[in-house]
C-alpha atoms as a PDB file:
ATOM      1  CA  MET A   1     -73.935  63.647  71.134  1.00  0.00           C
ATOM      2  CA  GLN A   2     -70.257  64.647  70.736  1.00  0.00           C
ATOM      3  CA  ALA A   3     -69.802  61.973  68.125  1.00  0.00           C
ATOM      4  CA  ARG A   4     -72.772  63.261  66.118  1.00  0.00           C
ATOM      5  CA  TRP A   5     -71.415  66.854  66.148  1.00  0.00           C
ATOM      6  CA  ILE A   6     -68.042  65.471  64.922  1.00  0.00           C
ATOM      7  CA  PHE A   7     -69.842  63.566  62.119  1.00  0.00           C
ATOM      8  CA  THR A   8     -71.852  66.490  61.117  1.00  0.00           C
ATOM      9  CA  ALA A   9     -68.561  68.696  61.098  1.00  0.00           C
ATOM     10  CA  LEU A  10     -66.744  66.058  58.863  1.00  0.00           C
ATOM     11  CA  ILE A  11     -69.653  65.576  56.478  1.00  0.00           C
ATOM     12  CA  VAL A  12     -70.014  69.331  56.015  1.00  0.00           C
ATOM     13  CA  ALA A  13     -66.264  69.904  55.575  1.00  0.00           C
ATOM     14  CA  ALA A  14     -66.132  67.042  53.055  1.00  0.00           C
ATOM     15  CA  THR A  15     -69.221  68.282  51.004  1.00  0.00           C
ATOM     16  CA  GLY A  16     -68.000  71.712  51.053  1.00  0.00           C
ATOM     17  CA  LEU A  17     -64.468  71.050  49.853  1.00  0.00           C
ATOM     18  CA  ILE A  18     -65.694  68.776  47.213  1.00  0.00           C
ATOM     19  CA  ALA A  19     -68.156  71.308  45.964  1.00  0.00           C
ATOM     20  CA  THR A  20     -65.283  73.987  46.063  1.00  0.00           C
ATOM     21  CA  TYR A  21     -62.912  71.559  44.036  1.00  0.00           C
ATOM     22  CA  MET A  22     -65.717  70.929  41.346  1.00  0.00           C
ATOM     23  CA  PHE A  23     -66.482  74.538  40.757  1.00  0.00           C
ATOM     24  CA  ILE A  24     -63.458  76.535  41.655  1.00  0.00           C
ATOM     25  CA  GLY A  25     -62.184  78.793  38.742  1.00  0.00           C
ATOM     26  CA  LEU A  26     -64.794  77.201  36.299  1.00  0.00           C
ATOM     27  CA  SER A  27     -66.809  79.330  34.061  1.00  0.00           C
ATOM     28  CA  PRO A  28     -70.171  78.032  32.561  1.00  0.00           C
ATOM     29  CA  GLU A  29     -68.554  77.609  29.183  1.00  0.00           C
ATOM     30  CA  GLY A  30     -65.971  75.093  30.475  1.00  0.00           C
ATOM     31  CA  TRP A  31     -68.565  72.891  32.555  1.00  0.00           C
ATOM     32  CA  ASP A  32     -68.894  70.271  29.696  1.00  0.00           C
ATOM     33  CA  TYR A  33     -65.120  69.641  29.625  1.00  0.00           C
ATOM     34  CA  ALA A  34     -64.142  70.126  33.427  1.00  0.00           C
ATOM     35  CA  LEU A  35     -66.936  68.797  35.383  1.00  0.00           C
ATOM     36  CA  PRO A  36     -66.766  65.187  34.213  1.00  0.00           C
ATOM     37  CA  ARG A  37     -62.886  65.205  34.661  1.00  0.00           C
ATOM     38  CA  ARG A  38     -63.320  66.517  38.163  1.00  0.00           C
ATOM     39  CA  GLY A  39     -66.127  64.379  38.993  1.00  0.00           C
ATOM     40  CA  ARG A  40     -63.780  61.350  38.062  1.00  0.00           C
ATOM     41  CA  SER A  41     -61.213  62.553  40.226  1.00  0.00           C
ATOM     42  CA  VAL A  42     -63.572  63.060  43.226  1.00  0.00           C
ATOM     43  CA  ILE A  43     -64.906  59.466  42.857  1.00  0.00           C
ATOM     44  CA  ALA A  44     -61.180  58.208  42.696  1.00  0.00           C
ATOM     45  CA  ILE A  45     -60.553  60.074  45.875  1.00  0.00           C
ATOM     46  CA  ILE A  46     -63.717  58.802  47.895  1.00  0.00           C
ATOM     47  CA  ILE A  47     -62.486  55.057  46.604  1.00  0.00           C
ATOM     48  CA  VAL A  48     -59.014  55.508  47.581  1.00  0.00           C
ATOM     49  CA  GLY A  49     -59.812  57.354  50.861  1.00  0.00           C
ATOM     50  CA  ALA A  50     -62.429  54.641  51.725  1.00  0.00           C
ATOM     51  CA  ALA A  51     -60.023  51.829  50.944  1.00  0.00           C
ATOM     52  CA  ILE A  52     -56.971  53.288  52.717  1.00  0.00           C
ATOM     53  CA  ALA A  53     -58.774  54.330  55.714  1.00  0.00           C
ATOM     54  CA  PHE A  54     -60.798  51.170  56.061  1.00  0.00           C
ATOM     55  CA  SER A  55     -57.849  48.680  55.613  1.00  0.00           C
ATOM     56  CA  THR A  56     -55.562  50.722  58.016  1.00  0.00           C
ATOM     57  CA  MET A  57     -58.075  50.887  60.758  1.00  0.00           C
ATOM     58  CA  ILE A  58     -58.594  47.185  60.427  1.00  0.00           C
ATOM     59  CA  PHE A  59     -54.790  46.490  60.154  1.00  0.00           C
ATOM     60  CA  GLN A  60     -54.065  48.637  63.465  1.00  0.00           C
ATOM     61  CA  THR A  61     -56.944  46.799  65.292  1.00  0.00           C
ATOM     62  CA  ILE A  62     -55.621  43.269  64.609  1.00  0.00           C
ATOM     63  CA  THR A  63     -52.032  44.210  65.223  1.00  0.00           C
ATOM     64  CA  ASN A  64     -53.014  46.286  68.391  1.00  0.00           C
ATOM     65  CA  ASN A  65     -50.494  49.034  67.158  1.00  0.00           C
ATOM     66  CA  ARG A  66     -51.611  52.548  66.291  1.00  0.00           C
ATOM     67  CA  ILE A  67     -48.550  53.456  64.300  1.00  0.00           C
ATOM     68  CA  LEU A  68     -48.535  50.628  61.841  1.00  0.00           C
ATOM     69  CA  THR A  69     -50.282  50.642  58.285  1.00  0.00           C
ATOM     70  CA  PRO A  70     -50.653  48.045  55.511  1.00  0.00           C
ATOM     71  CA  SER A  71     -47.618  49.384  53.624  1.00  0.00           C
ATOM     72  CA  ILE A  72     -45.467  47.748  56.068  1.00  0.00           C
ATOM     73  CA  ILE A  73     -46.209  44.358  54.327  1.00  0.00           C
ATOM     74  CA  GLY A  74     -44.385  45.816  51.311  1.00  0.00           C
ATOM     75  CA  LEU A  75     -47.323  46.080  48.833  1.00  0.00           C
ATOM     76  CA  ASP A  76     -46.556  49.629  47.866  1.00  0.00           C
ATOM     77  CA  ASN A  77     -42.782  48.480  47.225  1.00  0.00           C
ATOM     78  CA  LEU A  78     -44.012  45.637  45.071  1.00  0.00           C
ATOM     79  CA  TYR A  79     -46.136  47.978  42.890  1.00  0.00           C
ATOM     80  CA  ILE A  80     -43.066  50.197  42.209  1.00  0.00           C
ATOM     81  CA  LEU A  81     -41.092  47.038  41.578  1.00  0.00           C
ATOM     82  CA  VAL A  82     -43.782  45.724  38.869  1.00  0.00           C
ATOM     83  CA  GLN A  83     -43.920  49.123  37.222  1.00  0.00           C
ATOM     84  CA  THR A  84     -39.998  49.122  37.090  1.00  0.00           C
ATOM     85  CA  VAL A  85     -39.792  45.713  35.733  1.00  0.00           C
ATOM     86  CA  LEU A  86     -42.376  46.560  33.055  1.00  0.00           C
ATOM     87  CA  ILE A  87     -40.600  49.614  31.921  1.00  0.00           C
ATOM     88  CA  PHE A  88     -37.031  48.239  32.201  1.00  0.00           C
ATOM     89  CA  PHE A  89     -37.624  45.281  29.976  1.00  0.00           C
ATOM     90  CA  PHE A  90     -40.302  46.661  27.504  1.00  0.00           C
ATOM     91  CA  GLY A  91     -39.135  50.275  27.675  1.00  0.00           C
ATOM     92  CA  THR A  92     -41.643  53.160  27.529  1.00  0.00           C
ATOM     93  CA  ALA A  93     -43.325  51.064  24.518  1.00  0.00           C
ATOM     94  CA  GLY A  94     -44.196  48.559  27.282  1.00  0.00           C
ATOM     95  CA  LEU A  95     -46.798  51.204  28.739  1.00  0.00           C
ATOM     96  CA  VAL A  96     -48.385  51.417  25.144  1.00  0.00           C
ATOM     97  CA  LEU A  97     -48.136  47.439  24.607  1.00  0.00           C
ATOM     98  CA  PHE A  98     -49.895  46.956  27.880  1.00  0.00           C
ATOM     99  CA  SER A  99     -53.071  48.825  28.346  1.00  0.00           C
ATOM    100  CA  GLN A 100     -53.937  50.772  31.272  1.00  0.00           C
ATOM    101  CA  GLY A 101     -56.629  48.101  32.217  1.00  0.00           C
ATOM    102  CA  ALA A 102     -53.994  45.261  31.520  1.00  0.00           C
ATOM    103  CA  ASN A 103     -51.645  46.990  33.805  1.00  0.00           C
ATOM    104  CA  PHE A 104     -54.184  47.703  36.600  1.00  0.00           C
ATOM    105  CA  ILE A 105     -55.637  44.115  36.686  1.00  0.00           C
ATOM    106  CA  ALA A 106     -51.975  42.670  36.492  1.00  0.00           C
ATOM    107  CA  SER A 107     -50.635  44.946  39.175  1.00  0.00           C
ATOM    108  CA  ILE A 108     -53.795  43.966  41.469  1.00  0.00           C
ATOM    109  CA  ILE A 109     -53.291  40.269  40.785  1.00  0.00           C
ATOM    110  CA  ILE A 110     -49.628  40.364  41.609  1.00  0.00           C
ATOM    111  CA  MET A 111     -49.842  42.150  45.009  1.00  0.00           C
ATOM    112  CA  VAL A 112     -52.803  40.093  46.176  1.00  0.00           C
ATOM    113  CA  LEU A 113     -51.039  36.845  45.225  1.00  0.00           C
ATOM    114  CA  PHE A 114     -47.860  37.861  47.148  1.00  0.00           C
ATOM    115  CA  ALA A 115     -49.912  38.836  50.041  1.00  0.00           C
ATOM    116  CA  LEU A 116     -51.921  35.527  49.983  1.00  0.00           C
ATOM    117  CA  LEU A 117     -48.601  33.459  49.666  1.00  0.00           C
ATOM    118  CA  LEU A 118     -47.201  35.469  52.502  1.00  0.00           C
ATOM    119  CA  TYR A 119     -50.212  34.469  54.647  1.00  0.00           C
ATOM    120  CA  LEU A 120     -50.212  30.908  53.515  1.00  0.00           C
ATOM    121  CA  LEU A 121     -46.652  30.378  54.476  1.00  0.00           C
ATOM    122  CA  LEU A 122     -46.726  32.029  57.690  1.00  0.00           C
ATOM    123  CA  PHE A 123     -50.268  31.003  59.021  1.00  0.00           C
ATOM    124  CA  ARG A 124     -50.082  27.327  57.872  1.00  0.00           C
ATOM    125  CA  GLY A 125     -48.859  25.979  61.213  1.00  0.00           C
ATOM    126  CA  GLU A 126     -50.367  26.253  64.673  1.00  0.00           C
ATOM    127  CA  GLN A 127     -47.835  29.121  65.607  1.00  0.00           C
ATOM    128  CA  GLN A 128     -49.610  32.053  63.784  1.00  0.00           C
ATOM    129  CA  ASN A 129     -47.578  35.247  65.070  1.00  0.00           C
ATOM    130  CA  ILE A 130     -48.849  38.207  63.179  1.00  0.00           C
ATOM    131  CA  TYR A 131     -45.686  40.103  64.289  1.00  0.00           C
ATOM    132  CA  PHE A 132     -43.642  37.609  62.644  1.00  0.00           C
ATOM    133  CA  LEU A 133     -45.619  38.332  59.413  1.00  0.00           C
ATOM    134  CA  LEU A 134     -44.872  42.047  59.814  1.00  0.00           C
ATOM    135  CA  LEU A 135     -41.263  41.380  60.196  1.00  0.00           C
ATOM    136  CA  VAL A 136     -41.169  39.458  57.093  1.00  0.00           C
ATOM    137  CA  GLY A 137     -43.087  41.924  55.277  1.00  0.00           C
ATOM    138  CA  ILE A 138     -40.515  44.509  56.125  1.00  0.00           C
ATOM    139  CA  VAL A 139     -37.782  42.402  54.831  1.00  0.00           C
ATOM    140  CA  PHE A 140     -39.696  41.854  51.466  1.00  0.00           C
ATOM    141  CA  GLY A 141     -40.529  45.443  51.335  1.00  0.00           C
ATOM    142  CA  THR A 142     -36.747  46.159  51.571  1.00  0.00           C
ATOM    143  CA  LEU A 143     -36.065  43.576  48.922  1.00  0.00           C
ATOM    144  CA  PHE A 144     -38.592  45.072  46.505  1.00  0.00           C
ATOM    145  CA  SER A 145     -37.420  48.580  46.953  1.00  0.00           C
ATOM    146  CA  SER A 146     -33.535  47.704  46.513  1.00  0.00           C
ATOM    147  CA  LEU A 147     -34.471  45.837  43.271  1.00  0.00           C
ATOM    148  CA  SER A 148     -36.404  48.616  41.908  1.00  0.00           C
ATOM    149  CA  THR A 149     -33.725  51.095  42.681  1.00  0.00           C
ATOM    150  CA  PHE A 150     -31.008  48.797  41.016  1.00  0.00           C
ATOM    151  CA  MET A 151     -33.058  48.565  37.779  1.00  0.00           C
ATOM    152  CA  GLN A 152     -33.743  52.404  37.909  1.00  0.00           C
ATOM    153  CA  VAL A 153     -30.153  53.076  38.190  1.00  0.00           C
ATOM    154  CA  LEU A 154     -29.615  51.022  34.810  1.00  0.00           C
ATOM    155  CA  MET A 155     -32.377  52.620  33.197  1.00  0.00           C
ATOM    156  CA  ASP A 156     -32.340  55.347  30.363  1.00  0.00           C
ATOM    157  CA  PRO A 157     -33.052  58.773  31.975  1.00  0.00           C
ATOM    158  CA  ASN A 158     -36.111  59.243  29.832  1.00  0.00           C
ATOM    159  CA  GLU A 159     -37.545  55.890  30.965  1.00  0.00           C
ATOM    160  CA  TYR A 160     -36.861  56.723  34.489  1.00  0.00           C
ATOM    161  CA  LEU A 161     -39.156  59.729  34.147  1.00  0.00           C
ATOM    162  CA  SER A 162     -41.805  57.419  33.471  1.00  0.00           C
ATOM    163  CA  ILE A 163     -41.289  55.465  36.537  1.00  0.00           C
ATOM    164  CA  GLN A 164     -41.318  58.735  38.641  1.00  0.00           C
ATOM    165  CA  ASP A 165     -44.804  59.181  37.386  1.00  0.00           C
ATOM    166  CA  GLU A 166     -45.703  56.023  38.879  1.00  0.00           C
ATOM    167  CA  MET A 167     -43.979  56.378  42.162  1.00  0.00           C
ATOM    168  CA  PHE A 168     -46.396  59.375  43.166  1.00  0.00           C
ATOM    169  CA  ALA A 169     -50.088  59.268  43.594  1.00  0.00           C
ATOM    170  CA  SER A 170     -52.152  61.133  41.247  1.00  0.00           C
ATOM    171  CA  PHE A 171     -55.952  61.788  40.930  1.00  0.00           C
ATOM    172  CA  SER A 172     -55.834  63.637  37.500  1.00  0.00           C
ATOM    173  CA  ASN A 173     -56.592  61.715  34.408  1.00  0.00           C
ATOM    174  CA  ILE A 174     -58.197  58.805  35.953  1.00  0.00           C
ATOM    175  CA  ASN A 175     -59.304  56.236  33.353  1.00  0.00           C
ATOM    176  CA  GLU A 176     -63.033  55.863  33.590  1.00  0.00           C
ATOM    177  CA  ASP A 177     -63.064  52.185  33.040  1.00  0.00           C
ATOM    178  CA  LEU A 178     -60.495  51.541  35.882  1.00  0.00           C
ATOM    179  CA  LEU A 179     -62.583  53.668  37.999  1.00  0.00           C
ATOM    180  CA  TRP A 180     -65.685  51.663  37.820  1.00  0.00           C
ATOM    181  CA  LEU A 181     -63.745  48.410  38.014  1.00  0.00           C
ATOM    182  CA  ALA A 182     -62.015  49.643  41.209  1.00  0.00           C
ATOM    183  CA  MET A 183     -65.452  50.605  42.708  1.00  0.00           C
ATOM    184  CA  VAL A 184     -66.887  47.359  42.064  1.00  0.00           C
ATOM    185  CA  ILE A 185     -64.103  45.358  43.537  1.00  0.00           C
ATOM    186  CA  LEU A 186     -64.323  47.583  46.615  1.00  0.00           C
ATOM    187  CA  ILE A 187     -68.007  47.348  46.859  1.00  0.00           C
ATOM    188  CA  LEU A 188     -67.741  43.234  46.653  1.00  0.00           C
ATOM    189  CA  THR A 189     -64.990  43.326  49.257  1.00  0.00           C
ATOM    190  CA  MET A 190     -66.954  45.438  51.689  1.00  0.00           C
ATOM    191  CA  ILE A 191     -69.929  42.717  51.175  1.00  0.00           C
ATOM    192  CA  TYR A 192     -67.395  39.853  51.966  1.00  0.00           C
ATOM    193  CA  VAL A 193     -65.985  41.386  55.039  1.00  0.00           C
ATOM    194  CA  ARG A 194     -69.326  42.954  56.441  1.00  0.00           C
ATOM    195  CA  PRO A 195     -70.130  39.848  58.686  1.00  0.00           C
ATOM    196  CA  TYR A 196     -66.684  39.851  60.337  1.00  0.00           C
ATOM    197  CA  LEU A 197     -66.868  43.689  61.219  1.00  0.00           C
ATOM    198  CA  LYS A 198     -68.825  42.851  64.510  1.00  0.00           C
ATOM    199  CA  TYR A 199     -65.612  41.063  65.864  1.00  0.00           C
ATOM    200  CA  LEU A 200     -63.367  44.222  65.655  1.00  0.00           C
ATOM    201  CA  ASP A 201     -64.322  45.656  69.097  1.00  0.00           C
ATOM    202  CA  ALA A 202     -63.336  42.463  70.480  1.00  0.00           C
ATOM    203  CA  LEU A 203     -60.108  42.083  68.462  1.00  0.00           C
ATOM    204  CA  SER A 204     -58.845  45.495  69.774  1.00  0.00           C
ATOM    205  CA  LEU A 205     -58.581  43.888  73.352  1.00  0.00           C
ATOM    206  CA  GLY A 206     -55.976  41.487  72.102  1.00  0.00           C
ATOM    207  CA  ARG A 207     -55.905  37.847  71.053  1.00  0.00           C
ATOM    208  CA  ASP A 208     -56.367  36.055  74.284  1.00  0.00           C
ATOM    209  CA  GLN A 209     -59.350  38.304  75.345  1.00  0.00           C
ATOM    210  CA  ALA A 210     -61.045  37.998  71.808  1.00  0.00           C
ATOM    211  CA  ILE A 211     -60.780  34.351  72.019  1.00  0.00           C
ATOM    212  CA  ASN A 212     -62.120  34.177  75.318  1.00  0.00           C
ATOM    213  CA  LEU A 213     -65.204  36.204  74.118  1.00  0.00           C
ATOM    214  CA  GLY A 214     -65.879  33.747  71.539  1.00  0.00           C
ATOM    215  CA  VAL A 215     -64.187  35.275  68.521  1.00  0.00           C
ATOM    216  CA  PRO A 216     -63.095  32.673  65.795  1.00  0.00           C
ATOM    217  CA  TYR A 217     -59.783  34.559  65.924  1.00  0.00           C
ATOM    218  CA  ASP A 218     -57.771  32.625  63.213  1.00  0.00           C
ATOM    219  CA  ARG A 219     -60.475  32.493  60.573  1.00  0.00           C
ATOM    220  CA  VAL A 220     -61.394  36.082  61.121  1.00  0.00           C
ATOM    221  CA  ILE A 221     -57.684  37.317  61.100  1.00  0.00           C
ATOM    222  CA  ARG A 222     -57.223  35.572  57.778  1.00  0.00           C
ATOM    223  CA  ARG A 223     -60.191  37.198  56.412  1.00  0.00           C
ATOM    224  CA  PHE A 224     -59.403  40.563  57.312  1.00  0.00           C
ATOM    225  CA  LEU A 225     -55.592  40.154  55.887  1.00  0.00           C
ATOM    226  CA  ILE A 226     -57.315  39.179  52.778  1.00  0.00           C
ATOM    227  CA  VAL A 227     -59.519  42.191  52.715  1.00  0.00           C
ATOM    228  CA  ILE A 228     -56.559  44.399  53.575  1.00  0.00           C
ATOM    229  CA  ALA A 229     -54.454  43.113  50.677  1.00  0.00           C
ATOM    230  CA  VAL A 230     -57.325  43.697  48.222  1.00  0.00           C
ATOM    231  CA  MET A 231     -57.823  47.185  49.283  1.00  0.00           C
ATOM    232  CA  VAL A 232     -54.509  48.174  49.466  1.00  0.00           C
ATOM    233  CA  SER A 233     -53.612  46.747  46.044  1.00  0.00           C
ATOM    234  CA  VAL A 234     -56.852  48.417  44.393  1.00  0.00           C
ATOM    235  CA  SER A 235     -56.172  51.676  45.791  1.00  0.00           C
ATOM    236  CA  THR A 236     -52.349  51.574  44.916  1.00  0.00           C
ATOM    237  CA  ALA A 237     -52.926  50.415  41.331  1.00  0.00           C
ATOM    238  CA  LEU A 238     -55.516  52.970  40.689  1.00  0.00           C
ATOM    239  CA  VAL A 239     -53.573  56.189  41.715  1.00  0.00           C
ATOM    240  CA  GLY A 240     -50.212  55.105  43.048  1.00  0.00           C
ATOM    241  CA  PRO A 241     -48.753  54.682  46.483  1.00  0.00           C
ATOM    242  CA  ILE A 242     -49.655  57.119  49.475  1.00  0.00           C
ATOM    243  CA  MET A 243     -47.601  55.871  52.389  1.00  0.00           C
ATOM    244  CA  PHE A 244     -48.701  57.790  55.394  1.00  0.00           C
ATOM    245  CA  LEU A 245     -52.352  58.638  54.520  1.00  0.00           C
ATOM    246  CA  GLY A 246     -53.685  55.717  56.352  1.00  0.00           C
ATOM    247  CA  LEU A 247     -51.603  56.345  59.611  1.00  0.00           C
ATOM    248  CA  LEU A 248     -52.758  59.935  59.601  1.00  0.00           C
ATOM    249  CA  VAL A 249     -56.491  59.810  58.993  1.00  0.00           C
ATOM    250  CA  VAL A 250     -57.041  56.842  61.252  1.00  0.00           C
ATOM    251  CA  ASN A 251     -55.133  58.373  64.170  1.00  0.00           C
ATOM    252  CA  VAL A 252     -56.858  61.843  63.646  1.00  0.00           C
ATOM    253  CA  ALA A 253     -60.100  59.796  63.598  1.00  0.00           C
ATOM    254  CA  ARG A 254     -59.338  58.077  66.798  1.00  0.00           C
ATOM    255  CA  GLU A 255     -58.317  61.542  68.589  1.00  0.00           C
ATOM    256  CA  LEU A 256     -61.611  63.155  67.395  1.00  0.00           C
ATOM    257  CA  LEU A 257     -63.818  60.601  68.643  1.00  0.00           C
ATOM    258  CA  ARG A 258     -62.104  59.136  71.646  1.00  0.00           C
ATOM    259  CA  SER A 259     -63.979  55.728  71.202  1.00  0.00           C
ATOM    260  CA  PHE A 260     -63.630  52.122  70.792  1.00  0.00           C
ATOM    261  CA  LYS A 261     -66.483  51.400  68.611  1.00  0.00           C
ATOM    262  CA  HIS A 262     -65.346  50.562  65.324  1.00  0.00           C
ATOM    263  CA  SER A 263     -68.408  51.370  63.537  1.00  0.00           C
ATOM    264  CA  HIS A 264     -68.011  55.049  64.368  1.00  0.00           C
ATOM    265  CA  LEU A 265     -64.187  55.010  63.921  1.00  0.00           C
ATOM    266  CA  ILE A 266     -64.292  53.525  60.473  1.00  0.00           C
ATOM    267  CA  ASN A 267     -66.713  56.022  59.228  1.00  0.00           C
ATOM    268  CA  ALA A 268     -64.948  58.849  60.616  1.00  0.00           C
ATOM    269  CA  SER A 269     -61.666  57.690  59.230  1.00  0.00           C
ATOM    270  CA  ILE A 270     -63.353  57.613  55.621  1.00  0.00           C
ATOM    271  CA  LEU A 271     -64.626  61.121  56.233  1.00  0.00           C
ATOM    272  CA  VAL A 272     -61.272  62.284  57.393  1.00  0.00           C
ATOM    273  CA  SER A 273     -59.496  60.546  54.517  1.00  0.00           C
ATOM    274  CA  ILE A 274     -61.836  62.417  51.931  1.00  0.00           C
ATOM    275  CA  VAL A 275     -61.398  65.765  53.697  1.00  0.00           C
ATOM    276  CA  ALA A 276     -57.559  65.333  53.745  1.00  0.00           C
ATOM    277  CA  LEU A 277     -57.419  64.198  49.984  1.00  0.00           C
ATOM    278  CA  VAL A 278     -59.886  66.834  48.615  1.00  0.00           C
ATOM    279  CA  GLY A 279     -58.226  69.645  50.555  1.00  0.00           C
ATOM    280  CA  GLY A 280     -54.696  68.469  49.575  1.00  0.00           C
ATOM    281  CA  THR A 281     -55.639  68.528  46.023  1.00  0.00           C
ATOM    282  CA  LEU A 282     -56.891  72.047  46.292  1.00  0.00           C
ATOM    283  CA  VAL A 283     -53.649  73.034  47.780  1.00  0.00           C
ATOM    284  CA  VAL A 284     -51.668  71.417  45.000  1.00  0.00           C
ATOM    285  CA  GLU A 285     -53.459  72.882  42.304  1.00  0.00           C
ATOM    286  CA  HIS A 286     -54.305  76.418  43.511  1.00  0.00           C
ATOM    287  CA  VAL A 287     -51.351  77.088  46.324  1.00  0.00           C
ATOM    288  CA  PHE A 288     -48.351  75.225  44.900  1.00  0.00           C
ATOM    289  CA  GLU A 289     -49.746  75.200  41.318  1.00  0.00           C
ATOM    290  CA  TYR A 290     -48.661  71.453  40.836  1.00  0.00           C
ATOM    291  CA  ALA A 291     -45.107  72.020  41.790  1.00  0.00           C
ATOM    292  CA  ALA A 292     -45.475  69.334  44.449  1.00  0.00           C
ATOM    293  CA  PRO A 293     -47.490  66.010  44.077  1.00  0.00           C
ATOM    294  CA  LEU A 294     -50.154  65.239  46.648  1.00  0.00           C
ATOM    295  CA  SER A 295     -48.480  62.174  47.897  1.00  0.00           C
ATOM    296  CA  VAL A 296     -45.525  64.049  48.704  1.00  0.00           C
ATOM    297  CA  ILE A 297     -47.427  66.716  50.824  1.00  0.00           C
ATOM    298  CA  ILE A 298     -49.521  63.925  52.681  1.00  0.00           C
ATOM    299  CA  ASN A 299     -46.395  61.992  53.203  1.00  0.00           C
ATOM    300  CA  PHE A 300     -44.457  64.872  54.819  1.00  0.00           C
ATOM    301  CA  ILE A 301     -47.376  65.551  57.287  1.00  0.00           C
ATOM    302  CA  GLY A 302     -48.057  61.989  57.930  1.00  0.00           C
ATOM    303  CA  GLY A 303     -44.343  61.341  58.608  1.00  0.00           C
ATOM    304  CA  THR A 304     -44.120  64.156  60.888  1.00  0.00           C
ATOM    305  CA  TYR A 305     -47.540  62.991  62.764  1.00  0.00           C
ATOM    306  CA  PHE A 306     -45.678  59.489  62.870  1.00  0.00           C
ATOM    307  CA  ILE A 307     -42.518  61.076  64.676  1.00  0.00           C
ATOM    308  CA  TYR A 308     -45.149  62.781  67.037  1.00  0.00           C
ATOM    309  CA  LEU A 309     -46.881  59.697  67.844  1.00  0.00           C
ATOM    310  CA  LEU A 310     -43.434  57.605  68.629  1.00  0.00           C
ATOM    311  CA  LEU A 311     -42.210  60.429  70.825  1.00  0.00           C
ATOM    312  CA  ARG A 312     -45.517  60.658  72.590  1.00  0.00           C
ATOM    313  CA  GLY A 313     -45.462  56.914  73.014  1.00  0.00           C
ATOM    314  CA  THR A 314     -41.875  56.999  74.382  1.00  0.00           C
ATOM    315  CA  LYS A 315     -42.740  59.775  76.989  1.00  0.00           C
ATOM    316  CA  ARG A 316     -45.428  57.421  78.180  1.00  0.00           C
END
């Protein structure tokens, strides 16, 4: 009964915020221009919110750690590196030379290939330690960040401004073709992973317990890691990196439901993610008047919550 009331409240909050975002400050004369643009932003928010919440929930379950996110593998830093390399070698003309669609697809392919290569190298033997994967991901993430910073220092200041636009997530001026492509990829990924979702409750108990319960652990973990790589790549390539969003919404969903059932936790995480993104967008547009990017606000709140989780864990 409590879960039902929480879901109802989240759905009402998400619907109310979306309606407010769609119609706030809008005169009837501007509907033809503003509503399609705001509608694309809402669809992008739903896609990104669902992808990040879903992938983070799975990632925390298979690592059995509530303070980790898929960003630790280094995909966000790899995305920034790809954009930096593009502008470093081709200049701002490179953004014109490579269309948004080509840049979007190339970014997804590079990030997914990197993740798959990482998985193949670390999971080819019998010793398949996922924590070693996280350690290697941190090292690569630091390497990608260092290379990006090095090239940005050598850039022309005007070209560096173009990189800054890619470093912060934005839900305005979303390309419609990319939006539908991202939606198709997300739907196909959800269809692919659906048969394996039944194993999540057992996986949350740990590797040994999951194997004892009959879970084909290695095969399931590989599938989930591929899905995580695809979802994080799609969301990052579509709007840019949002590092702490997954950490924030997944832990808030866990605190609200106090449940181990992933069928409930995943849905709640997606709803919380939509509420956070739409509410954050309203704050950015109507309170800060675009003075601060949405990703900065979310990363500040998420980073603060991350510190709280660390301190609470230390006290326990």
